[in-house]
Protein backbone atom coordinates (compact mmCIF):
# COMPACT_ATOMS: atom_id res chain seq x y z
CA MET A 1 0.00 9.43 7.73
CA LYS A 2 -0.73 7.31 10.79
CA ASN A 3 1.80 5.08 12.50
CA THR A 4 1.20 1.76 14.20
CA ALA A 5 2.61 1.23 17.69
CA LEU A 6 5.52 -0.57 16.00
CA SER A 7 6.41 1.83 13.17
CA SER A 8 9.58 3.05 14.89
CA THR A 9 10.55 -0.58 15.58
CA HIS A 10 10.26 -1.42 11.86
CA GLU A 11 12.33 1.63 10.95
CA ALA A 12 15.02 0.61 13.44
CA LEU A 13 15.11 -2.83 11.79
CA GLY A 14 15.80 -1.18 8.43
CA ALA A 15 12.41 -1.92 6.89
CA LYS A 16 11.42 -0.11 3.72
CA MET A 17 8.36 1.89 4.81
CA VAL A 18 5.52 2.88 2.46
CA PRO A 19 2.13 4.54 2.79
CA PHE A 20 -0.62 1.92 2.88
CA ALA A 21 -4.29 2.57 3.70
CA GLY A 22 -3.29 5.79 5.43
CA TYR A 23 -0.63 4.10 7.58
CA ASN A 24 3.18 4.09 7.51
CA MET A 25 3.78 0.37 6.99
CA PRO A 26 6.78 -1.95 6.37
CA VAL A 27 6.65 -3.32 2.83
CA GLN A 28 9.84 -5.40 3.15
CA TYR A 29 12.95 -5.95 5.27
CA ASP A 30 15.34 -8.34 3.48
CA GLY A 31 13.48 -8.84 0.21
CA VAL A 32 10.15 -10.29 -0.82
CA ASN A 33 11.41 -13.75 -1.85
CA ILE A 34 13.46 -14.24 1.32
CA GLU A 35 10.56 -13.22 3.53
CA HIS A 36 8.06 -15.29 1.52
CA GLN A 37 10.15 -18.44 1.87
CA ALA A 38 10.65 -17.80 5.60
CA VAL A 39 6.87 -18.05 6.08
CA ARG A 40 6.46 -21.07 3.77
CA LYS A 41 9.31 -22.99 5.42
CA ASP A 42 9.72 -21.65 8.96
CA CYS A 43 8.05 -18.77 10.85
CA GLY A 44 7.45 -15.07 10.20
CA VAL A 45 5.62 -12.26 11.95
CA PHE A 46 3.65 -9.46 10.31
CA ASP A 47 2.53 -6.21 11.92
CA VAL A 48 -0.99 -5.79 10.54
CA SER A 49 -2.15 -3.34 13.21
CA HIS A 50 -3.61 -1.09 10.51
CA MET A 51 -6.61 -3.42 10.31
CA GLY A 52 -9.86 -2.17 11.85
CA GLU A 53 -11.72 -3.67 14.82
CA PHE A 54 -15.35 -3.00 15.69
CA LEU A 55 -17.14 -4.37 18.76
CA VAL A 56 -20.82 -5.11 18.20
CA GLU A 57 -22.74 -6.15 21.29
CA GLY A 58 -26.08 -6.23 23.05
CA GLU A 59 -29.22 -8.32 22.66
CA HIS A 60 -29.65 -7.18 19.05
CA ALA A 61 -26.00 -7.62 17.97
CA LEU A 62 -26.73 -10.80 16.03
CA ASP A 63 -29.75 -9.20 14.35
CA LEU A 64 -27.51 -6.47 12.96
CA LEU A 65 -24.85 -8.93 11.77
CA GLN A 66 -27.41 -11.11 10.07
CA LYS A 67 -28.78 -8.05 8.29
CA VAL A 68 -25.48 -6.69 6.94
CA CYS A 69 -23.38 -9.84 6.46
CA SER A 70 -23.69 -12.48 3.73
CA ASN A 71 -22.69 -15.45 5.91
CA ASP A 72 -24.90 -16.90 8.66
CA ALA A 73 -23.51 -15.53 11.93
CA SER A 74 -26.07 -17.52 13.92
CA LYS A 75 -23.82 -20.55 13.35
CA LEU A 76 -21.07 -19.01 15.45
CA THR A 77 -20.43 -20.22 18.99
CA VAL A 78 -18.13 -18.56 21.51
CA GLY A 79 -14.52 -19.16 20.48
CA LYS A 80 -15.26 -19.48 16.77
CA ALA A 81 -14.63 -17.07 13.89
CA GLN A 82 -16.29 -16.69 10.50
CA TYR A 83 -15.27 -15.20 7.17
CA THR A 84 -18.01 -13.10 5.60
CA CYS A 85 -18.68 -10.00 3.50
CA LEU A 86 -20.85 -6.90 3.57
CA PRO A 87 -22.95 -6.79 0.36
CA ASN A 88 -23.99 -3.35 -0.88
CA ASP A 89 -27.33 -2.43 -2.41
CA ASP A 90 -26.08 -2.67 -6.00
CA GLY A 91 -24.72 -6.23 -6.24
CA GLY A 92 -21.17 -5.40 -5.08
CA VAL A 93 -19.25 -5.78 -1.83
CA VAL A 94 -18.61 -3.05 0.74
CA ASP A 95 -15.82 -5.14 2.32
CA ASP A 96 -14.84 -8.61 3.40
CA LEU A 97 -14.20 -9.26 7.08
CA ILE A 98 -13.86 -11.77 9.90
CA ILE A 99 -16.33 -12.02 12.80
CA TYR A 100 -15.20 -13.40 16.16
CA LYS A 101 -17.83 -14.39 18.72
CA LEU A 102 -16.28 -13.28 22.01
CA LYS A 103 -19.29 -13.88 24.28
CA GLU A 104 -23.00 -14.37 23.93
CA ASP A 105 -24.25 -11.13 22.34
CA GLN A 106 -20.69 -9.80 21.80
CA TYR A 107 -18.82 -9.93 18.49
CA LEU A 108 -15.55 -8.52 17.18
CA LEU A 109 -15.50 -7.51 13.51
CA VAL A 110 -12.08 -7.22 11.85
CA VAL A 111 -12.18 -5.14 8.69
CA ASN A 112 -9.73 -3.96 6.06
CA ALA A 113 -7.64 -0.93 6.96
CA SER A 114 -8.61 1.09 3.86
CA ASN A 115 -12.32 0.57 4.62
CA ILE A 116 -12.55 1.35 8.36
CA GLU A 117 -14.54 4.58 8.01
CA LYS A 118 -16.56 3.27 5.05
CA ASP A 119 -17.50 0.06 6.92
CA TRP A 120 -18.35 1.87 10.12
CA ASN A 121 -20.66 4.25 8.28
CA TRP A 122 -22.26 1.42 6.31
CA ILE A 123 -22.98 -0.82 9.31
CA SER A 124 -24.13 2.17 11.37
CA SER A 125 -26.57 3.17 8.63
CA LYS A 126 -28.17 -0.29 8.86
CA ASN A 127 -28.30 -0.34 12.66
CA ASP A 128 -31.98 0.32 13.24
CA VAL A 129 -32.17 -2.62 15.68
CA GLY A 130 -30.36 -0.92 18.55
CA ALA A 131 -27.11 -2.89 18.64
CA THR A 132 -24.25 -1.23 20.51
CA MET A 133 -21.22 -0.46 18.32
CA ARG A 134 -17.72 0.62 19.34
CA ASP A 135 -14.80 1.37 17.04
CA LEU A 136 -11.67 -0.05 18.70
CA SER A 137 -9.38 0.38 15.67
CA GLU A 138 -7.16 3.10 17.19
CA ASP A 139 -6.65 1.18 20.44
CA TYR A 140 -5.67 -2.30 19.29
CA SER A 141 -2.72 -3.89 17.52
CA LEU A 142 -2.61 -7.10 15.50
CA LEU A 143 0.32 -9.43 14.79
CA ALA A 144 0.12 -12.37 12.40
CA ILE A 145 2.61 -15.15 13.28
CA GLN A 146 2.66 -17.48 10.30
CA GLY A 147 4.50 -20.56 9.08
CA PRO A 148 4.78 -24.32 9.67
CA ASN A 149 7.06 -23.79 12.71
CA ALA A 150 4.97 -21.02 14.29
CA VAL A 151 3.30 -23.21 16.91
CA GLU A 152 6.51 -24.97 17.92
CA LYS A 153 8.50 -21.73 18.23
CA MET A 154 5.80 -19.78 20.07
CA GLN A 155 4.42 -22.45 22.44
CA ALA A 156 6.75 -21.43 25.28
CA LEU A 157 5.14 -17.96 25.25
CA SER A 158 1.68 -19.20 26.26
CA SER A 159 0.07 -21.64 28.69
CA HIS A 160 -2.54 -22.42 26.04
CA ASP A 161 -1.97 -25.40 23.74
CA LEU A 162 -1.47 -23.44 20.50
CA ALA A 163 -1.59 -26.60 18.38
CA ALA A 164 -5.09 -27.32 19.70
CA ILE A 165 -6.55 -24.06 18.31
CA LYS A 166 -8.29 -25.24 15.15
CA PHE A 167 -8.60 -23.19 11.96
CA TYR A 168 -11.08 -20.32 12.47
CA ASN A 169 -11.14 -20.82 16.23
CA PHE A 170 -9.57 -18.67 18.93
CA GLU A 171 -8.71 -18.47 22.62
CA VAL A 172 -8.58 -15.49 24.95
CA GLY A 173 -5.65 -15.80 27.36
CA ASN A 174 -1.97 -15.17 28.04
CA PHE A 175 0.74 -14.74 25.47
CA ALA A 176 4.27 -13.36 25.84
CA GLY A 177 3.53 -12.23 29.38
CA ILE A 178 0.34 -10.36 28.47
CA GLU A 179 -3.11 -11.46 29.68
CA ASN A 180 -6.45 -11.29 27.83
CA VAL A 181 -5.13 -11.31 24.30
CA ILE A 182 -6.96 -13.02 21.47
CA ILE A 183 -4.98 -15.93 20.00
CA SER A 184 -6.67 -16.73 16.70
CA ALA A 185 -6.05 -19.30 13.96
CA THR A 186 -7.43 -17.25 11.04
CA GLY A 187 -4.36 -16.89 8.85
CA TYR A 188 -4.04 -15.35 5.38
CA THR A 189 -0.96 -17.24 4.12
CA GLY A 190 -1.91 -20.92 3.88
CA SER A 191 1.09 -21.97 5.97
CA GLY A 192 -0.47 -22.23 9.40
CA GLY A 193 0.10 -20.12 12.48
CA PHE A 194 -2.07 -17.66 14.35
CA GLU A 195 -2.82 -14.00 15.08
CA ILE A 196 -2.48 -11.97 18.27
CA TYR A 197 -4.88 -9.11 19.09
CA CYS A 198 -3.67 -6.90 21.93
CA LYS A 199 -3.67 -3.30 23.13
CA ASN A 200 -1.26 -0.84 21.56
CA ASP A 201 0.80 -0.49 24.75
CA GLU A 202 1.27 -4.28 24.89
CA VAL A 203 2.36 -5.02 21.34
CA LYS A 204 6.04 -4.03 21.62
CA GLN A 205 6.59 -6.57 24.43
CA ILE A 206 4.87 -9.24 22.38
CA TRP A 207 6.79 -8.38 19.18
CA ASP A 208 10.12 -8.50 20.99
CA LYS A 209 9.41 -11.90 22.54
CA VAL A 210 8.01 -13.31 19.29
CA THR A 211 11.06 -12.24 17.27
CA ALA A 212 13.39 -13.47 20.04
CA ALA A 213 11.63 -16.84 19.83
CA GLY A 214 12.53 -17.10 16.15
CA ALA A 215 9.89 -15.35 14.07
CA LYS A 216 11.36 -13.35 11.18
CA PRO A 217 9.84 -9.90 10.57
CA ILE A 218 7.87 -9.94 7.29
CA GLY A 219 6.58 -7.03 5.22
CA LEU A 220 3.33 -6.45 3.36
CA ALA A 221 4.84 -7.34 -0.06
CA ALA A 222 5.42 -10.96 0.99
CA ARG A 223 1.98 -11.02 2.62
CA ASP A 224 0.55 -10.26 -0.82
CA THR A 225 2.52 -12.97 -2.63
CA LEU A 226 1.63 -15.50 0.09
CA ARG A 227 -2.12 -14.78 -0.06
CA LEU A 228 -2.12 -14.80 -3.87
CA GLU A 229 -0.49 -18.25 -3.97
CA MET A 230 -3.52 -19.41 -1.96
CA GLY A 231 -5.96 -17.68 -4.30
CA TYR A 232 -7.31 -15.53 -1.46
CA CYS A 233 -9.18 -12.39 -2.50
CA LEU A 234 -7.79 -8.94 -1.71
CA TYR A 235 -10.34 -6.16 -1.29
CA GLY A 236 -9.81 -3.38 -3.82
CA ASN A 237 -8.31 -5.85 -6.32
CA ASP A 238 -10.32 -9.06 -6.58
CA ILE A 239 -13.46 -7.87 -4.83
CA SER A 240 -14.88 -4.38 -4.72
CA ASP A 241 -18.03 -2.26 -4.75
CA THR A 242 -18.64 -3.46 -8.32
CA THR A 243 -17.96 -7.22 -7.96
CA SER A 244 -20.57 -9.55 -6.55
CA PRO A 245 -19.69 -12.32 -4.09
CA ILE A 246 -21.18 -14.81 -6.59
CA GLU A 247 -18.83 -13.65 -9.40
CA ALA A 248 -15.89 -13.72 -6.97
CA GLY A 249 -16.43 -17.36 -6.02
CA LEU A 250 -17.65 -16.40 -2.55
CA GLY A 251 -20.96 -18.22 -2.83
CA TRP A 252 -19.80 -20.39 0.08
CA ILE A 253 -20.02 -17.37 2.41
CA THR A 254 -23.30 -16.17 0.91
CA LYS A 255 -26.09 -18.00 2.72
CA PHE A 256 -29.67 -17.61 1.51
CA THR A 257 -31.15 -19.24 4.61
CA LYS A 258 -31.77 -15.69 5.87
CA GLU A 259 -32.42 -12.23 4.48
CA PHE A 260 -29.60 -9.73 4.25
CA THR A 261 -28.68 -6.65 2.19
CA ASN A 262 -29.48 -7.29 -1.48
CA SER A 263 -29.96 -11.03 -0.80
CA GLU A 264 -32.82 -11.42 -3.26
CA ALA A 265 -30.80 -10.03 -6.17
CA LEU A 266 -27.74 -12.12 -5.24
CA LYS A 267 -29.87 -15.26 -4.96
CA ALA A 268 -31.28 -14.61 -8.42
CA GLU A 269 -27.76 -14.12 -9.77
CA LYS A 270 -26.64 -17.42 -8.26
CA GLU A 271 -29.64 -19.26 -9.72
CA ARG A 272 -29.18 -17.95 -13.27
CA GLY A 273 -25.39 -17.97 -13.05
CA PRO A 274 -23.13 -14.91 -13.11
CA LYS A 275 -22.07 -13.38 -16.44
CA ARG A 276 -18.42 -13.39 -15.39
CA LYS A 277 -16.26 -15.26 -12.89
CA LEU A 278 -13.06 -14.69 -10.99
CA ILE A 279 -10.54 -17.24 -12.27
CA ALA A 280 -7.04 -18.28 -11.28
CA PHE A 281 -4.40 -18.69 -13.99
CA GLU A 282 -0.77 -19.67 -14.46
CA LEU A 283 1.40 -18.33 -17.27
CA ASP A 284 2.68 -20.97 -19.68
CA GLU A 285 5.75 -18.88 -20.53
CA ARG A 286 7.93 -16.44 -18.62
CA GLY A 287 6.34 -13.17 -17.65
CA ILE A 288 4.78 -11.37 -14.72
CA PRO A 289 1.05 -10.57 -14.83
CA ARG A 290 0.10 -7.35 -13.07
CA HIS A 291 -3.07 -5.73 -11.75
CA ASP A 292 -5.14 -4.21 -14.60
CA TYR A 293 -3.37 -6.08 -17.44
CA GLU A 294 -5.80 -7.18 -20.13
CA ILE A 295 -6.84 -10.81 -20.55
CA VAL A 296 -7.34 -11.60 -24.25
CA ASP A 297 -8.43 -14.54 -26.38
CA ALA A 298 -6.45 -16.26 -29.15
CA GLU A 299 -7.55 -13.58 -31.62
CA GLY A 300 -6.38 -10.79 -29.35
CA ASN A 301 -9.85 -9.67 -28.30
CA ALA A 302 -10.04 -8.29 -24.77
CA ILE A 303 -12.15 -10.61 -22.61
CA GLY A 304 -11.20 -9.63 -19.08
CA ILE A 305 -8.84 -7.97 -16.67
CA VAL A 306 -6.16 -9.17 -14.24
CA THR A 307 -7.09 -8.21 -10.67
CA SER A 308 -4.01 -9.63 -8.91
CA GLY A 309 -0.78 -10.99 -10.34
CA THR A 310 2.82 -11.78 -9.38
CA MET A 311 5.79 -14.01 -9.96
CA SER A 312 5.14 -16.81 -7.49
CA PRO A 313 8.20 -17.28 -5.24
CA SER A 314 7.14 -20.87 -4.46
CA LEU A 315 6.34 -21.98 -8.03
CA GLY A 316 8.74 -19.83 -10.01
CA LYS A 317 6.09 -18.85 -12.54
CA GLY A 318 3.66 -16.03 -13.15
CA ILE A 319 0.27 -16.46 -11.45
CA GLY A 320 -2.81 -14.32 -11.13
CA LEU A 321 -6.51 -13.81 -10.63
CA GLY A 322 -8.88 -12.05 -13.00
CA TYR A 323 -12.42 -11.80 -14.29
CA VAL A 324 -13.49 -13.42 -17.57
CA PRO A 325 -16.88 -14.28 -19.08
CA THR A 326 -18.37 -17.42 -17.51
CA GLU A 327 -18.32 -19.29 -20.83
CA VAL A 328 -14.52 -19.18 -20.93
CA SER A 329 -13.91 -19.73 -17.18
CA ALA A 330 -13.51 -23.52 -17.02
CA VAL A 331 -10.35 -25.01 -15.54
CA GLY A 332 -7.95 -25.93 -18.34
CA THR A 333 -9.09 -23.15 -20.65
CA LYS A 334 -6.29 -21.35 -22.51
CA ILE A 335 -6.24 -17.56 -22.23
CA PHE A 336 -3.62 -14.89 -22.93
CA ILE A 337 -2.29 -12.07 -20.74
CA GLN A 338 -1.33 -8.89 -22.53
CA ILE A 339 2.08 -7.99 -21.10
CA ARG A 340 3.24 -4.85 -22.87
CA LYS A 341 3.06 -5.69 -26.59
CA LYS A 342 3.05 -9.47 -26.23
CA ALA A 343 0.14 -11.81 -25.47
CA ILE A 344 1.56 -14.46 -23.10
CA PRO A 345 -0.35 -17.78 -23.07
CA ALA A 346 -1.83 -18.89 -19.74
CA THR A 347 -3.99 -21.69 -18.41
CA ILE A 348 -6.93 -21.41 -16.05
CA VAL A 349 -6.29 -23.55 -12.94
CA LYS A 350 -8.08 -24.45 -9.76
CA PRO A 351 -6.72 -22.58 -6.72
CA PRO A 352 -4.79 -22.71 -4.53
CA PHE A 353 -1.66 -22.36 -6.67
CA TYR A 354 0.51 -23.42 -3.72
CA LYS A 355 -0.12 -26.83 -2.22
CA ALA A 356 1.86 -27.62 0.93
């Protein structure tokens, strides 16, 4: 089990630690609901240093990214980031990730912790264009400072105007007394804020100053409830090697203005329409939908599966994502979630569930 540079800090704070993607990570400190509401209403900080970072550079860096990624990385300019995915050869997704354009011909790829080795091997196997690749995952830490008061509380820690960093843009500069960190507005909670990428030996100083400035430490459990309220996909649940980006509602990051891995098959799927779709639903009665619960119709026939589910701390009702046949995927459609021996009625809704 690996530790982040802050694992001992979390333990000293009394966090409940759990194994996650091969790392010893804080799942909660004071309770999921308390931490969730701190991010929705104030400011919280997550240690997400388990995420992977790859540097792709050289004159053929963009050629490689265009080949392996579904989105059009040629649209990036220095200081901008882009959400994208790595399609596989069989219609599924290797991983979803964020690309940061650091300089001309230099890109930072941020990948999911559980997929670091898998992604590295996949991209490397496609690198017949001579791009230079470096795995920086073991050397860098990542903090996510999230919430409506994040900018106000953290502004004194940087000479950069944090409020001026637009969504999916970033700056490289000073923060909490450390130079050359990436300050990025690519949050996963829907409540504003930013992320800090720094070296492992710098993160403790930044964490201490961020928490002293009023950010509450938040665990991974609240991170999951926050992202689900926004309807954001989680790799391994809502997207995987066997789900296509078209089924998952990620057509907006799947650009057919270029060729990429399996693009012809995905384009054909988009044109004819997928057989199933990822939908968002709210329970009409009390209950908590969970991953892998069956979705059934009024007659009790299994029609799909829940991929993510929880009791929404903000809404006070059960919410979830799941795959159903396209013909029963329209907003407003009534479905049922099989929770133990009872089929609980639910309604398909348009995400996000939480609207600020």
